C-alpha atoms as a PDB file:
ATOM      1  CA  UNK A   1      20.712  27.685 -22.729  1.00  0.00           C
ATOM      2  CA  UNK A   2      24.215  27.321 -22.232  1.00  0.00           C
ATOM      3  CA  UNK A   3      24.634  23.863 -22.729  1.00  0.00           C
ATOM      4  CA  UNK A   4      27.639  22.674 -24.709  1.00  0.00           C
ATOM      5  CA  UNK A   5      27.499  19.207 -26.757  1.00  0.00           C
ATOM      6  CA  UNK A   6      30.928  17.701 -25.901  1.00  0.00           C
ATOM      7  CA  UNK A   7      31.974  14.444 -27.220  1.00  0.00           C
ATOM      8  CA  UNK A   8      30.080  11.025 -25.305  1.00  0.00           C
ATOM      9  CA  UNK A   9      32.508   9.739 -22.878  1.00  0.00           C
ATOM     10  CA  UNK A  10      32.212   8.063 -19.810  1.00  0.00           C
ATOM     11  CA  UNK A  11      34.797   8.538 -17.164  1.00  0.00           C
ATOM     12  CA  UNK A  12      33.808   5.138 -15.571  1.00  0.00           C
ATOM     13  CA  UNK A  13      33.494   3.194 -18.131  1.00  0.00           C
ATOM     14  CA  UNK A  14      36.694   1.216 -17.995  1.00  0.00           C
ATOM     15  CA  UNK A  15      36.006   0.662 -14.238  1.00  0.00           C
ATOM     16  CA  UNK A  16      34.181  -2.443 -13.355  1.00  0.00           C
ATOM     17  CA  UNK A  17      30.760  -2.590 -11.837  1.00  0.00           C
ATOM     18  CA  UNK A  18      30.436  -2.765  -8.037  1.00  0.00           C
ATOM     19  CA  UNK A  19      26.916  -4.386  -6.977  1.00  0.00           C
ATOM     20  CA  UNK A  20      26.908  -1.220  -3.701  1.00  0.00           C
ATOM     21  CA  UNK A  21      26.735   1.120  -6.447  1.00  0.00           C
ATOM     22  CA  UNK A  22      23.209   0.217  -6.879  1.00  0.00           C
ATOM     23  CA  UNK A  23      21.225   1.431  -4.221  1.00  0.00           C
ATOM     24  CA  UNK A  24      18.655  -1.564  -4.456  1.00  0.00           C
ATOM     25  CA  UNK A  25      21.648  -4.291  -4.327  1.00  0.00           C
ATOM     26  CA  UNK A  26      23.231  -2.624  -1.657  1.00  0.00           C
ATOM     27  CA  UNK A  27      19.887  -2.697   0.349  1.00  0.00           C
ATOM     28  CA  UNK A  28      20.402  -6.517   0.295  1.00  0.00           C
ATOM     29  CA  UNK A  29      22.091  -8.525   2.860  1.00  0.00           C
ATOM     30  CA  UNK A  30      25.023 -10.529   2.361  1.00  0.00           C
ATOM     31  CA  UNK A  31      23.150 -13.668   2.692  1.00  0.00           C
ATOM     32  CA  UNK A  32      20.792 -12.449   0.104  1.00  0.00           C
ATOM     33  CA  UNK A  33      23.398 -10.935  -2.008  1.00  0.00           C
ATOM     34  CA  UNK A  34      25.415 -14.504  -2.282  1.00  0.00           C
ATOM     35  CA  UNK A  35      21.760 -16.115  -3.046  1.00  0.00           C
ATOM     36  CA  UNK A  36      21.563 -13.373  -5.973  1.00  0.00           C
ATOM     37  CA  UNK A  37      25.337 -13.131  -7.259  1.00  0.00           C
ATOM     38  CA  UNK A  38      25.011 -16.764  -9.185  1.00  0.00           C
ATOM     39  CA  UNK A  39      22.545 -15.188 -11.297  1.00  0.00           C
ATOM     40  CA  UNK A  40      23.810 -11.521 -12.076  1.00  0.00           C
ATOM     41  CA  UNK A  41      25.660 -10.831 -14.730  1.00  0.00           C
ATOM     42  CA  UNK A  42      27.774  -8.084 -15.221  1.00  0.00           C
ATOM     43  CA  UNK A  43      26.811  -5.862 -18.231  1.00  0.00           C
ATOM     44  CA  UNK A  44      27.923  -2.731 -20.095  1.00  0.00           C
ATOM     45  CA  UNK A  45      25.210  -0.312 -21.251  1.00  0.00           C
ATOM     46  CA  UNK A  46      26.131   1.456 -24.583  1.00  0.00           C
ATOM     47  CA  UNK A  47      24.643   5.011 -25.450  1.00  0.00           C
ATOM     48  CA  UNK A  48      21.632   4.821 -27.093  1.00  0.00           C
ATOM     49  CA  UNK A  49      21.207   0.879 -26.445  1.00  0.00           C
ATOM     50  CA  UNK A  50      17.606  -0.383 -26.355  1.00  0.00           C
ATOM     51  CA  UNK A  51      17.133  -2.857 -23.642  1.00  0.00           C
ATOM     52  CA  UNK A  52      13.840  -3.512 -24.363  1.00  0.00           C
ATOM     53  CA  UNK A  53      11.150  -1.999 -26.581  1.00  0.00           C
ATOM     54  CA  UNK A  54       7.400  -1.508 -25.447  1.00  0.00           C
ATOM     55  CA  UNK A  55       4.608  -3.831 -25.997  1.00  0.00           C
ATOM     56  CA  UNK A  56       6.965  -7.181 -25.015  1.00  0.00           C
ATOM     57  CA  UNK A  57       7.924  -8.674 -22.091  1.00  0.00           C
ATOM     58  CA  UNK A  58      11.539  -7.761 -20.911  1.00  0.00           C
ATOM     59  CA  UNK A  59      13.884 -10.582 -20.852  1.00  0.00           C
ATOM     60  CA  UNK A  60      15.833  -9.474 -17.758  1.00  0.00           C
ATOM     61  CA  UNK A  61      15.678  -6.959 -14.964  1.00  0.00           C
ATOM     62  CA  UNK A  62      18.694  -4.523 -15.053  1.00  0.00           C
ATOM     63  CA  UNK A  63      20.398  -2.653 -12.209  1.00  0.00           C
ATOM     64  CA  UNK A  64      22.565   0.053 -13.659  1.00  0.00           C
ATOM     65  CA  UNK A  65      25.442   1.441 -11.314  1.00  0.00           C
ATOM     66  CA  UNK A  66      27.158   3.842 -13.381  1.00  0.00           C
ATOM     67  CA  UNK A  67      24.587   4.258 -16.373  1.00  0.00           C
ATOM     68  CA  UNK A  68      21.347   5.894 -16.745  1.00  0.00           C
ATOM     69  CA  UNK A  69      18.521   4.927 -18.624  1.00  0.00           C
ATOM     70  CA  UNK A  70      15.272   6.639 -19.896  1.00  0.00           C
ATOM     71  CA  UNK A  71      11.669   4.369 -19.820  1.00  0.00           C
ATOM     72  CA  UNK A  72      10.161   6.247 -23.210  1.00  0.00           C
ATOM     73  CA  UNK A  73       6.434   6.028 -23.787  1.00  0.00           C
ATOM     74  CA  UNK A  74       6.170   5.573 -27.432  1.00  0.00           C
ATOM     75  CA  UNK A  75       3.356   6.873 -29.629  1.00  0.00           C
ATOM     76  CA  UNK A  76       1.806   5.318 -32.916  1.00  0.00           C
ATOM     77  CA  UNK A  77       3.411   7.938 -34.960  1.00  0.00           C
ATOM     78  CA  UNK A  78       6.995   7.144 -33.589  1.00  0.00           C
ATOM     79  CA  UNK A  79       7.264   9.850 -31.461  1.00  0.00           C
ATOM     80  CA  UNK A  80       8.393   9.496 -27.357  1.00  0.00           C
ATOM     81  CA  UNK A  81       7.954  11.091 -24.180  1.00  0.00           C
ATOM     82  CA  UNK A  82      10.319  10.192 -21.337  1.00  0.00           C
ATOM     83  CA  UNK A  83       8.120   8.989 -18.444  1.00  0.00           C
ATOM     84  CA  UNK A  84      10.860   8.393 -15.818  1.00  0.00           C
ATOM     85  CA  UNK A  85      14.537   7.895 -15.305  1.00  0.00           C
ATOM     86  CA  UNK A  86      16.637   4.993 -13.903  1.00  0.00           C
ATOM     87  CA  UNK A  87      19.980   5.146 -12.492  1.00  0.00           C
ATOM     88  CA  UNK A  88      21.899   4.129  -9.739  1.00  0.00           C
ATOM     89  CA  UNK A  89      18.906   4.542  -8.032  1.00  0.00           C
ATOM     90  CA  UNK A  90      16.902   1.525  -8.913  1.00  0.00           C
ATOM     91  CA  UNK A  91      16.057  -1.133 -11.657  1.00  0.00           C
ATOM     92  CA  UNK A  92      14.868  -1.155 -15.104  1.00  0.00           C
ATOM     93  CA  UNK A  93      12.084  -4.129 -15.936  1.00  0.00           C
ATOM     94  CA  UNK A  94       9.703  -3.894 -12.770  1.00  0.00           C
ATOM     95  CA  UNK A  95       6.598  -4.964 -15.377  1.00  0.00           C
ATOM     96  CA  UNK A  96       8.209  -8.129 -14.325  1.00  0.00           C
ATOM     97  CA  UNK A  97       7.486  -7.868 -10.787  1.00  0.00           C
ATOM     98  CA  UNK A  98       4.031  -5.964 -11.190  1.00  0.00           C
ATOM     99  CA  UNK A  99       2.580  -8.489 -13.888  1.00  0.00           C
ATOM    100  CA  UNK A 100       5.073 -10.384 -15.417  1.00  0.00           C
ATOM    101  CA  UNK A 101       3.709  -8.671 -18.864  1.00  0.00           C
ATOM    102  CA  UNK A 102       4.424  -6.586 -21.801  1.00  0.00           C
ATOM    103  CA  UNK A 103       6.100  -3.379 -20.601  1.00  0.00           C
ATOM    104  CA  UNK A 104       4.386  -0.236 -21.751  1.00  0.00           C
ATOM    105  CA  UNK A 105       7.628   1.693 -22.685  1.00  0.00           C
ATOM    106  CA  UNK A 106      10.853   1.713 -24.158  1.00  0.00           C
ATOM    107  CA  UNK A 107      14.114   1.298 -22.075  1.00  0.00           C
ATOM    108  CA  UNK A 108      16.833   3.433 -23.475  1.00  0.00           C
ATOM    109  CA  UNK A 109      20.361   4.103 -22.228  1.00  0.00           C
ATOM    110  CA  UNK A 110      20.744   7.553 -22.181  1.00  0.00           C
ATOM    111  CA  UNK A 111      24.271   7.588 -20.276  1.00  0.00           C
ATOM    112  CA  UNK A 112      26.408   4.818 -20.661  1.00  0.00           C
ATOM    113  CA  UNK A 113      28.071   3.017 -17.794  1.00  0.00           C
ATOM    114  CA  UNK A 114      27.921  -0.392 -16.313  1.00  0.00           C
ATOM    115  CA  UNK A 115      25.713  -2.162 -14.341  1.00  0.00           C
ATOM    116  CA  UNK A 116      24.471  -5.845 -13.997  1.00  0.00           C
ATOM    117  CA  UNK A 117      21.122  -7.864 -15.200  1.00  0.00           C
ATOM    118  CA  UNK A 118      19.410 -10.817 -14.035  1.00  0.00           C
ATOM    119  CA  UNK A 119      17.197 -12.926 -16.552  1.00  0.00           C
ATOM    120  CA  UNK A 120      13.618 -12.536 -15.778  1.00  0.00           C
ATOM    121  CA  UNK A 121      12.723 -15.957 -14.451  1.00  0.00           C
ATOM    122  CA  UNK A 122      15.282 -15.900 -12.208  1.00  0.00           C
ATOM    123  CA  UNK A 123      14.578 -12.482 -10.827  1.00  0.00           C
ATOM    124  CA  UNK A 124      10.996 -13.702 -10.591  1.00  0.00           C
ATOM    125  CA  UNK A 125      12.463 -16.818  -8.962  1.00  0.00           C
ATOM    126  CA  UNK A 126      14.438 -14.651  -6.568  1.00  0.00           C
ATOM    127  CA  UNK A 127      11.880 -12.206  -5.458  1.00  0.00           C
ATOM    128  CA  UNK A 128       9.393 -14.738  -4.835  1.00  0.00           C
ATOM    129  CA  UNK A 129      12.051 -16.760  -2.511  1.00  0.00           C
ATOM    130  CA  UNK A 130      13.074 -13.441  -0.983  1.00  0.00           C
ATOM    131  CA  UNK A 131      10.523 -11.225   1.268  1.00  0.00           C
ATOM    132  CA  UNK A 132      12.920  -8.615   1.790  1.00  0.00           C
ATOM    133  CA  UNK A 133      13.771  -7.830  -1.804  1.00  0.00           C
ATOM    134  CA  UNK A 134      10.126  -7.595  -2.644  1.00  0.00           C
ATOM    135  CA  UNK A 135       9.579  -5.326  -0.041  1.00  0.00           C
ATOM    136  CA  UNK A 136      12.442  -3.275  -1.295  1.00  0.00           C
ATOM    137  CA  UNK A 137      11.189  -3.578  -5.036  1.00  0.00           C
ATOM    138  CA  UNK A 138       7.819  -2.210  -4.172  1.00  0.00           C
ATOM    139  CA  UNK A 139       9.134   0.350  -2.221  1.00  0.00           C
ATOM    140  CA  UNK A 140      10.951   1.388  -5.548  1.00  0.00           C
ATOM    141  CA  UNK A 141       8.031   0.749  -7.226  1.00  0.00           C
ATOM    142  CA  UNK A 142       5.913   3.829  -5.213  1.00  0.00           C
ATOM    143  CA  UNK A 143       9.120   6.007  -5.869  1.00  0.00           C
ATOM    144  CA  UNK A 144       8.874   5.094  -9.553  1.00  0.00           C
ATOM    145  CA  UNK A 145       5.408   6.336  -9.302  1.00  0.00           C
ATOM    146  CA  UNK A 146       6.069   9.364  -7.528  1.00  0.00           C
ATOM    147  CA  UNK A 147       8.800   9.909 -10.016  1.00  0.00           C
ATOM    148  CA  UNK A 148       6.338   9.806 -12.762  1.00  0.00           C
ATOM    149  CA  UNK A 149       3.812  11.871 -11.107  1.00  0.00           C
ATOM    150  CA  UNK A 150       6.198  14.705 -10.570  1.00  0.00           C
ATOM    151  CA  UNK A 151       7.416  14.152 -14.600  1.00  0.00           C
ATOM    152  CA  UNK A 152       3.728  14.866 -15.847  1.00  0.00           C
ATOM    153  CA  UNK A 153       3.005  17.613 -13.466  1.00  0.00           C
ATOM    154  CA  UNK A 154       6.200  19.441 -14.267  1.00  0.00           C
ATOM    155  CA  UNK A 155       5.498  18.828 -18.308  1.00  0.00           C
ATOM    156  CA  UNK A 156       2.144  20.345 -17.972  1.00  0.00           C
ATOM    157  CA  UNK A 157       3.015  23.398 -15.758  1.00  0.00           C
ATOM    158  CA  UNK A 158       6.630  24.127 -15.963  1.00  0.00           C
ATOM    159  CA  UNK A 159       8.414  26.057 -18.763  1.00  0.00           C
ATOM    160  CA  UNK A 160      10.933  24.095 -20.842  1.00  0.00           C
ATOM    161  CA  UNK A 161      14.029  25.963 -18.911  1.00  0.00           C
ATOM    162  CA  UNK A 162      12.448  24.302 -15.421  1.00  0.00           C
ATOM    163  CA  UNK A 163      11.791  20.977 -17.275  1.00  0.00           C
ATOM    164  CA  UNK A 164      15.088  21.023 -18.079  1.00  0.00           C
ATOM    165  CA  UNK A 165      16.573  21.563 -15.004  1.00  0.00           C
ATOM    166  CA  UNK A 166      14.317  18.786 -13.518  1.00  0.00           C
ATOM    167  CA  UNK A 167      15.943  16.619 -15.964  1.00  0.00           C
ATOM    168  CA  UNK A 168      19.331  17.606 -14.865  1.00  0.00           C
ATOM    169  CA  UNK A 169      18.617  16.935 -11.312  1.00  0.00           C
ATOM    170  CA  UNK A 170      17.192  13.822 -11.889  1.00  0.00           C
ATOM    171  CA  UNK A 171      20.544  12.310 -14.009  1.00  0.00           C
ATOM    172  CA  UNK A 172      22.801  13.852 -11.347  1.00  0.00           C
ATOM    173  CA  UNK A 173      20.848  12.215  -8.353  1.00  0.00           C
ATOM    174  CA  UNK A 174      21.438   9.037 -10.487  1.00  0.00           C
ATOM    175  CA  UNK A 175      25.292   9.209 -11.322  1.00  0.00           C
ATOM    176  CA  UNK A 176      27.917   8.659  -8.938  1.00  0.00           C
ATOM    177  CA  UNK A 177      29.789  11.773 -10.739  1.00  0.00           C
ATOM    178  CA  UNK A 178      28.693  15.314 -11.250  1.00  0.00           C
ATOM    179  CA  UNK A 179      29.246  14.924 -14.816  1.00  0.00           C
ATOM    180  CA  UNK A 180      26.253  14.530 -17.443  1.00  0.00           C
ATOM    181  CA  UNK A 181      26.781  12.858 -20.687  1.00  0.00           C
ATOM    182  CA  UNK A 182      24.502  14.056 -23.022  1.00  0.00           C
ATOM    183  CA  UNK A 183      24.330  15.842 -26.433  1.00  0.00           C
ATOM    184  CA  UNK A 184      21.521  19.021 -26.600  1.00  0.00           C
ATOM    185  CA  UNK A 185      20.116  16.587 -29.216  1.00  0.00           C
ATOM    186  CA  UNK A 186      19.377  13.757 -26.653  1.00  0.00           C
ATOM    187  CA  UNK A 187      18.003  16.630 -24.140  1.00  0.00           C
ATOM    188  CA  UNK A 188      15.896  17.880 -26.942  1.00  0.00           C
ATOM    189  CA  UNK A 189      14.479  14.508 -27.534  1.00  0.00           C
ATOM    190  CA  UNK A 190      13.734  13.906 -23.974  1.00  0.00           C
ATOM    191  CA  UNK A 191      11.984  17.106 -23.437  1.00  0.00           C
ATOM    192  CA  UNK A 192      10.132  17.011 -26.265  1.00  0.00           C
ATOM    193  CA  UNK A 193      11.446  19.857 -28.366  1.00  0.00           C
END
């Protein structure tokens, strides 16, 4: 494989997060955003930052704008498998919406960047008040299930090269640039090789 490891630097790290860079936040009307905005906190995501561990209830819902977060299933022996990727297309912390209980996975930042977060209780209250955002999040949940299904099929039936291509395309689809900032070690861990 012709991947060259480069220093991890994010070209958008010094720019402000813009809510409309996240597709879910951009789908809100101005009235909805004005109701959510007081509870949203702009955040910087750093490389390898753990947003939450598996087995706990996330404290926040995260809306990346320029970062990529991997959702990893952790085994008892400490190894992991990437089950989904979230970037500017969505939200991290869907377990709050679906059950409000412990998350089955770890959320790990794979590409540093910016975004927003909202405390879990504030997010639940806002979603319960706002049927439009609930519908947006339910549609996104279906997209996540589809992504997880495709990942499972790819991991079972495709070569490592094909899995790498799928993973790189997932990243490109979730970034506002054409530059993916990952090391070979990170890619190997995500692919389980």
